[in-house]
């Protein structure tokens, strides 16, 4: 423990592993830097849940960030797909050298990659996937659509927090929007409505997608007095201009999918938690106006066989 030089009577910093702190309720504010490109992909929910269960937080403790939501959008990019596919020939371990066991095509196209998009086009508006809020407290009456509580408990640490609901599923439907890709551009950067307006009235054409871009929007803090909110985001609709700390997370498709004019793309997406690892699974299908399914992708990364993050 050490004191801030200028305000030793006001601010104290604690440098401890979460597991070393048992009870005490010493923290007024918890500031974490655990957000990934997809919001929860660097295990922020599980890590902050551990902080809450350690008893470190006071009853009215504030978490920064307090809430974050992951977003997903289809992307058309032959380059991203080709670069992901090329990973099949790289060594599985960077320490193995050229003679190491190859990554393999299945693993290469079932692994998520942080990418700086250039030769790509986000073809549809991004949609919400999963939301997490901190603290995760049982006495809050309000819950979001992903079963995470949104406000601190009034009785503080008297009641243990509920089990963290970090194993999640969502199904998203992307309707045809011929103008959105023009405004969203590569999928990294703010949405430009003036660019989108240039394509209004143009003849729609089929779209080929090569995977999905994952982004996030986070609320760092919201004042209870004036409701002013501090946010950061790499989702195009709410992009934080001038911020270069995060790039999108690319989820490839093993085979590109073509969406005919008027058809819808349905995406099923899972965030899975088991024992000591977290992973994502995804699949997609193309559905015509009459409800017929004309293309399916198959399941990607079932049971975390190709890609996971260890707790």
Protein backbone atom coordinates (compact mmCIF):
# COMPACT_ATOMS: atom_id res chain seq x y z
CA UNK A 1 0.00 0.00 0.00
CA UNK A 2 1.22 3.50 -0.77
CA UNK A 3 -0.21 7.00 -0.53
CA UNK A 4 -0.54 9.58 -3.28
CA UNK A 5 2.11 12.21 -2.50
CA UNK A 6 -0.14 15.22 -2.88
CA UNK A 7 -3.24 13.80 -1.19
CA UNK A 8 -2.18 11.10 1.29
CA UNK A 9 -5.25 11.70 3.43
CA UNK A 10 -7.65 11.24 0.49
CA UNK A 11 -6.33 8.61 -1.89
CA UNK A 12 -4.71 5.27 -1.13
CA UNK A 13 -3.65 2.76 -3.75
CA UNK A 14 -3.62 -0.98 -3.02
CA UNK A 15 -1.33 -3.24 -5.01
CA UNK A 16 -2.48 -6.80 -4.35
CA UNK A 17 -3.59 -9.92 -6.12
CA UNK A 18 -7.35 -10.25 -5.82
CA UNK A 19 -6.99 -13.61 -4.11
CA UNK A 20 -4.86 -12.03 -1.36
CA UNK A 21 -7.62 -9.64 -0.30
CA UNK A 22 -10.38 -11.26 1.75
CA UNK A 23 -13.09 -8.92 2.95
CA UNK A 24 -12.49 -5.54 4.49
CA UNK A 25 -14.43 -3.50 1.93
CA UNK A 26 -11.62 -0.98 1.39
CA UNK A 27 -12.23 0.11 -2.24
CA UNK A 28 -14.35 3.13 -3.17
CA UNK A 29 -13.43 2.87 -6.85
CA UNK A 30 -12.20 -0.05 -8.95
CA UNK A 31 -10.46 1.00 -12.18
CA UNK A 32 -9.65 -1.83 -14.58
CA UNK A 33 -7.99 -2.02 -17.99
CA UNK A 34 -9.36 -5.37 -19.13
CA UNK A 35 -11.46 -4.45 -22.16
CA UNK A 36 -10.61 -6.21 -25.40
CA UNK A 37 -11.57 -5.47 -28.99
CA UNK A 38 -14.82 -7.37 -28.48
CA UNK A 39 -15.38 -5.96 -25.00
CA UNK A 40 -15.38 -9.21 -22.99
CA UNK A 41 -12.81 -11.22 -24.99
CA UNK A 42 -9.97 -10.56 -22.51
CA UNK A 43 -12.03 -11.98 -19.63
CA UNK A 44 -13.02 -8.72 -17.99
CA UNK A 45 -16.32 -10.23 -16.70
CA UNK A 46 -14.58 -13.13 -14.94
CA UNK A 47 -11.76 -10.98 -13.53
CA UNK A 48 -14.05 -8.29 -12.14
CA UNK A 49 -16.38 -10.94 -10.73
CA UNK A 50 -13.38 -12.21 -8.77
CA UNK A 51 -12.77 -8.71 -7.42
CA UNK A 52 -16.37 -8.45 -6.24
CA UNK A 53 -16.30 -11.87 -4.56
CA UNK A 54 -13.04 -11.06 -2.78
CA UNK A 55 -14.82 -8.55 -0.53
CA UNK A 56 -12.51 -5.77 -1.67
CA UNK A 57 -15.33 -3.43 -2.68
CA UNK A 58 -17.26 -1.14 -0.37
CA UNK A 59 -21.08 -1.33 -0.54
CA UNK A 60 -21.24 1.76 -2.79
CA UNK A 61 -18.04 1.00 -4.74
CA UNK A 62 -17.88 2.36 -8.30
CA UNK A 63 -16.45 0.27 -11.12
CA UNK A 64 -14.77 1.95 -14.09
CA UNK A 65 -15.85 0.76 -16.61
CA UNK A 66 -19.33 0.13 -15.29
CA UNK A 67 -20.90 -1.45 -18.37
CA UNK A 68 -19.81 -2.67 -21.80
CA UNK A 69 -21.53 -4.24 -24.79
CA UNK A 70 -20.02 -6.24 -27.63
CA UNK A 71 -21.19 -5.71 -31.22
CA UNK A 72 -21.01 -7.89 -34.32
CA UNK A 73 -21.29 -7.05 -38.04
CA UNK A 74 -20.73 -8.96 -41.30
CA UNK A 75 -17.64 -7.96 -43.25
CA UNK A 76 -16.69 -8.43 -46.89
CA UNK A 77 -12.93 -8.69 -47.27
CA UNK A 78 -11.06 -11.13 -49.46
CA UNK A 79 -7.84 -9.82 -47.94
CA UNK A 80 -8.79 -10.54 -44.33
CA UNK A 81 -9.97 -14.02 -45.29
CA UNK A 82 -6.79 -14.73 -47.27
CA UNK A 83 -4.55 -13.56 -44.43
CA UNK A 84 -6.44 -15.70 -41.90
CA UNK A 85 -6.21 -18.68 -44.25
CA UNK A 86 -2.47 -18.14 -44.65
CA UNK A 87 -2.01 -18.71 -40.91
CA UNK A 88 -2.60 -22.41 -41.61
CA UNK A 89 1.01 -22.71 -42.73
CA UNK A 90 2.55 -20.93 -39.74
CA UNK A 91 4.00 -22.92 -36.80
CA UNK A 92 1.49 -23.62 -34.03
CA UNK A 93 3.96 -22.23 -31.50
CA UNK A 94 6.12 -19.18 -32.35
CA UNK A 95 9.05 -20.84 -30.54
CA UNK A 96 9.02 -23.89 -32.82
CA UNK A 97 10.48 -22.17 -35.86
CA UNK A 98 9.88 -23.21 -39.49
CA UNK A 99 10.05 -26.92 -38.63
CA UNK A 100 7.21 -26.69 -36.11
CA UNK A 101 3.78 -28.28 -36.43
CA UNK A 102 1.66 -26.16 -38.82
CA UNK A 103 -1.32 -24.24 -37.44
CA UNK A 104 -3.66 -26.07 -39.84
CA UNK A 105 -6.53 -24.75 -41.97
CA UNK A 106 -9.29 -25.62 -39.48
CA UNK A 107 -7.61 -23.83 -36.62
CA UNK A 108 -6.64 -20.87 -38.81
CA UNK A 109 -10.26 -20.25 -39.86
CA UNK A 110 -11.75 -20.81 -36.40
CA UNK A 111 -9.50 -18.33 -34.61
CA UNK A 112 -10.36 -14.68 -33.93
CA UNK A 113 -7.80 -12.04 -35.00
CA UNK A 114 -7.32 -8.41 -33.99
CA UNK A 115 -7.19 -6.55 -37.30
CA UNK A 116 -6.63 -3.01 -38.55
CA UNK A 117 -9.17 -2.98 -41.37
CA UNK A 118 -8.18 -1.49 -44.72
CA UNK A 119 -9.30 -3.57 -47.70
CA UNK A 120 -12.68 -4.42 -46.22
CA UNK A 121 -16.30 -3.32 -46.12
CA UNK A 122 -18.70 -3.65 -43.22
CA UNK A 123 -21.84 -4.63 -45.13
CA UNK A 124 -24.53 -4.27 -42.43
CA UNK A 125 -25.04 -2.22 -39.30
CA UNK A 126 -23.43 -3.73 -36.21
CA UNK A 127 -25.76 -5.30 -33.66
CA UNK A 128 -25.51 -5.91 -29.92
CA UNK A 129 -24.23 -9.25 -28.69
CA UNK A 130 -23.48 -9.39 -24.97
CA UNK A 131 -23.64 -6.85 -22.15
CA UNK A 132 -21.86 -6.98 -18.80
CA UNK A 133 -22.27 -4.60 -15.88
CA UNK A 134 -20.20 -4.15 -12.72
CA UNK A 135 -20.81 -4.58 -9.87
CA UNK A 136 -22.95 -7.66 -10.54
CA UNK A 137 -25.31 -7.35 -7.58
CA UNK A 138 -28.43 -9.38 -6.69
CA UNK A 139 -30.44 -6.60 -5.01
CA UNK A 140 -30.70 -4.42 -8.08
CA UNK A 141 -34.21 -4.63 -9.50
CA UNK A 142 -33.20 -3.63 -13.00
CA UNK A 143 -31.55 -6.11 -15.33
CA UNK A 144 -30.48 -5.78 -18.95
CA UNK A 145 -31.47 -8.12 -21.76
CA UNK A 146 -28.50 -10.39 -21.04
CA UNK A 147 -29.39 -11.03 -17.36
CA UNK A 148 -26.63 -8.85 -15.87
CA UNK A 149 -27.59 -6.46 -13.09
CA UNK A 150 -26.92 -2.82 -13.78
CA UNK A 151 -26.60 -1.01 -10.44
CA UNK A 152 -24.80 -1.57 -7.12
CA UNK A 153 -26.58 -3.29 -4.24
CA UNK A 154 -28.04 -1.15 -1.54
CA UNK A 155 -27.02 -3.59 1.17
CA UNK A 156 -23.46 -3.91 -0.13
CA UNK A 157 -21.56 -7.05 0.82
CA UNK A 158 -24.24 -8.46 3.13
CA UNK A 159 -25.56 -10.60 0.30
CA UNK A 160 -23.06 -12.50 -1.88
CA UNK A 161 -23.18 -11.59 -5.58
CA UNK A 162 -25.04 -14.07 -7.79
CA UNK A 163 -23.18 -16.45 -10.08
CA UNK A 164 -21.78 -14.55 -13.04
CA UNK A 165 -23.84 -15.23 -16.18
CA UNK A 166 -20.94 -15.11 -18.62
CA UNK A 167 -21.95 -18.15 -20.67
CA UNK A 168 -24.22 -16.51 -23.25
CA UNK A 169 -25.99 -16.96 -26.58
CA UNK A 170 -27.47 -14.54 -29.09
CA UNK A 171 -29.01 -14.79 -32.54
CA UNK A 172 -28.79 -11.80 -34.85
CA UNK A 173 -30.62 -11.12 -38.12
CA UNK A 174 -29.04 -8.77 -40.65
CA UNK A 175 -31.43 -7.38 -43.26
CA UNK A 176 -30.31 -6.12 -46.65
CA UNK A 177 -29.09 -2.52 -46.48
CA UNK A 178 -27.32 -1.44 -49.70
CA UNK A 179 -26.26 1.93 -48.30
CA UNK A 180 -24.85 0.99 -44.93
CA UNK A 181 -21.59 -0.43 -46.23
CA UNK A 182 -20.80 2.89 -47.85
CA UNK A 183 -21.20 4.74 -44.55
CA UNK A 184 -19.44 2.17 -42.38
CA UNK A 185 -16.55 1.88 -44.82
CA UNK A 186 -13.94 -0.65 -43.63
CA UNK A 187 -15.65 -1.27 -40.28
CA UNK A 188 -13.10 0.70 -38.27
CA UNK A 189 -13.91 4.34 -37.72
CA UNK A 190 -17.05 6.46 -37.31
CA UNK A 191 -20.09 5.85 -39.49
CA UNK A 192 -20.36 8.56 -42.16
CA UNK A 193 -23.99 9.33 -43.01
CA UNK A 194 -23.01 11.68 -45.84
CA UNK A 195 -21.15 8.86 -47.58
CA UNK A 196 -24.09 6.51 -47.07
CA UNK A 197 -26.40 9.06 -48.68
CA UNK A 198 -24.41 8.83 -51.90
CA UNK A 199 -25.55 5.25 -52.43
CA UNK A 200 -29.25 5.81 -51.72
CA UNK A 201 -31.28 4.84 -54.77
CA UNK A 202 -28.59 2.66 -56.30
CA UNK A 203 -29.46 -0.83 -57.52
CA UNK A 204 -28.78 -3.47 -54.83
CA UNK A 205 -26.40 -6.28 -55.70
CA UNK A 206 -25.54 -9.59 -54.00
CA UNK A 207 -22.96 -9.33 -51.20
CA UNK A 208 -20.23 -11.84 -50.34
CA UNK A 209 -19.14 -11.90 -46.71
CA UNK A 210 -15.95 -13.43 -45.35
CA UNK A 211 -16.64 -13.27 -41.63
CA UNK A 212 -17.61 -10.85 -38.89
CA UNK A 213 -16.11 -7.83 -37.15
CA UNK A 214 -16.42 -7.64 -33.37
CA UNK A 215 -16.35 -4.24 -31.66
CA UNK A 216 -17.53 -2.78 -28.34
CA UNK A 217 -19.12 0.22 -26.65
CA UNK A 218 -18.33 0.89 -22.98
CA UNK A 219 -19.72 3.20 -20.36
CA UNK A 220 -16.85 4.20 -18.08
CA UNK A 221 -18.89 6.23 -15.61
CA UNK A 222 -22.33 7.83 -15.46
CA UNK A 223 -23.00 10.61 -12.96
CA UNK A 224 -25.95 10.07 -10.65
CA UNK A 225 -26.34 13.84 -10.28
CA UNK A 226 -26.57 15.13 -13.86
CA UNK A 227 -26.65 11.82 -15.78
CA UNK A 228 -23.59 12.82 -17.80
CA UNK A 229 -21.81 9.73 -19.14
CA UNK A 230 -18.23 9.06 -20.15
CA UNK A 231 -17.92 6.42 -22.87
CA UNK A 232 -15.40 4.81 -25.19
CA UNK A 233 -16.32 2.89 -28.34
CA UNK A 234 -14.96 1.33 -31.52
CA UNK A 235 -18.44 0.44 -32.83
CA UNK A 236 -18.92 2.60 -35.96
CA UNK A 237 -22.27 4.03 -34.81
CA UNK A 238 -20.71 5.47 -31.62
CA UNK A 239 -17.00 5.50 -32.48
CA UNK A 240 -14.72 7.54 -30.19
CA UNK A 241 -12.90 9.85 -32.58
CA UNK A 242 -9.14 10.06 -32.16
CA UNK A 243 -8.85 6.80 -30.21
CA UNK A 244 -6.40 4.18 -31.49
CA UNK A 245 -6.21 1.84 -28.51
CA UNK A 246 -8.35 -0.96 -29.94
CA UNK A 247 -8.97 -2.48 -33.37
CA UNK A 248 -11.82 -4.84 -34.36
CA UNK A 249 -11.77 -8.58 -33.72
CA UNK A 250 -12.20 -10.58 -36.93
CA UNK A 251 -14.12 -13.88 -36.79
CA UNK A 252 -13.55 -15.69 -40.12
CA UNK A 253 -15.91 -17.95 -42.00
CA UNK A 254 -14.35 -21.14 -43.30
CA UNK A 255 -16.04 -20.51 -46.64
CA UNK A 256 -17.32 -17.11 -47.86
CA UNK A 257 -21.12 -16.76 -48.07
CA UNK A 258 -23.04 -14.89 -50.77
CA UNK A 259 -26.20 -13.04 -49.73
CA UNK A 260 -28.62 -12.56 -52.65
CA UNK A 261 -30.57 -9.32 -53.00
CA UNK A 262 -33.43 -9.29 -50.49
CA UNK A 263 -32.10 -12.19 -48.44
CA UNK A 264 -31.30 -12.06 -44.73
CA UNK A 265 -28.22 -13.27 -42.87
CA UNK A 266 -28.91 -15.02 -39.56
CA UNK A 267 -25.96 -15.40 -37.21
CA UNK A 268 -25.85 -17.53 -34.07
CA UNK A 269 -23.12 -16.59 -31.62
CA UNK A 270 -22.08 -18.14 -28.30
CA UNK A 271 -19.76 -17.03 -25.51
CA UNK A 272 -18.86 -20.26 -23.71
CA UNK A 273 -17.30 -20.80 -20.29
CA UNK A 274 -16.12 -24.15 -19.00
CA UNK A 275 -13.68 -24.89 -16.16
CA UNK A 276 -10.59 -22.79 -16.89
CA UNK A 277 -11.28 -21.45 -20.39
CA UNK A 278 -13.55 -19.11 -22.34
CA UNK A 279 -14.21 -19.28 -26.08
CA UNK A 280 -16.63 -18.22 -28.82
CA UNK A 281 -18.61 -20.35 -31.26
CA UNK A 282 -20.41 -19.04 -34.34
CA UNK A 283 -22.38 -20.10 -37.40
CA UNK A 284 -24.52 -18.39 -40.04
CA UNK A 285 -27.23 -19.08 -42.60
CA UNK A 286 -28.68 -17.16 -45.56
CA UNK A 287 -32.48 -16.99 -45.57
CA UNK A 288 -34.62 -15.90 -48.54
CA UNK A 289 -37.83 -13.88 -48.29
CA UNK A 290 -39.91 -17.06 -48.45
CA UNK A 291 -38.05 -18.49 -45.45
CA UNK A 292 -35.99 -20.99 -47.40
CA UNK A 293 -32.37 -21.44 -46.31
CA UNK A 294 -30.01 -21.31 -49.28
CA UNK A 295 -26.64 -21.45 -47.50
CA UNK A 296 -25.24 -22.50 -44.12
CA UNK A 297 -21.75 -22.09 -42.71
CA UNK A 298 -21.51 -24.96 -40.26
CA UNK A 299 -20.37 -24.49 -36.65
CA UNK A 300 -17.06 -22.72 -36.04
CA UNK A 301 -14.84 -23.52 -33.05
CA UNK A 302 -17.18 -26.00 -31.25
CA UNK A 303 -16.04 -26.69 -27.68
CA UNK A 304 -13.12 -24.31 -28.22
CA UNK A 305 -11.28 -26.86 -30.34
CA UNK A 306 -9.28 -24.23 -32.22
CA UNK A 307 -9.32 -21.05 -30.12
CA UNK A 308 -9.89 -20.24 -26.45
CA UNK A 309 -8.59 -17.99 -23.67
CA UNK A 310 -7.45 -19.53 -20.39
CA UNK A 311 -8.72 -18.16 -17.11
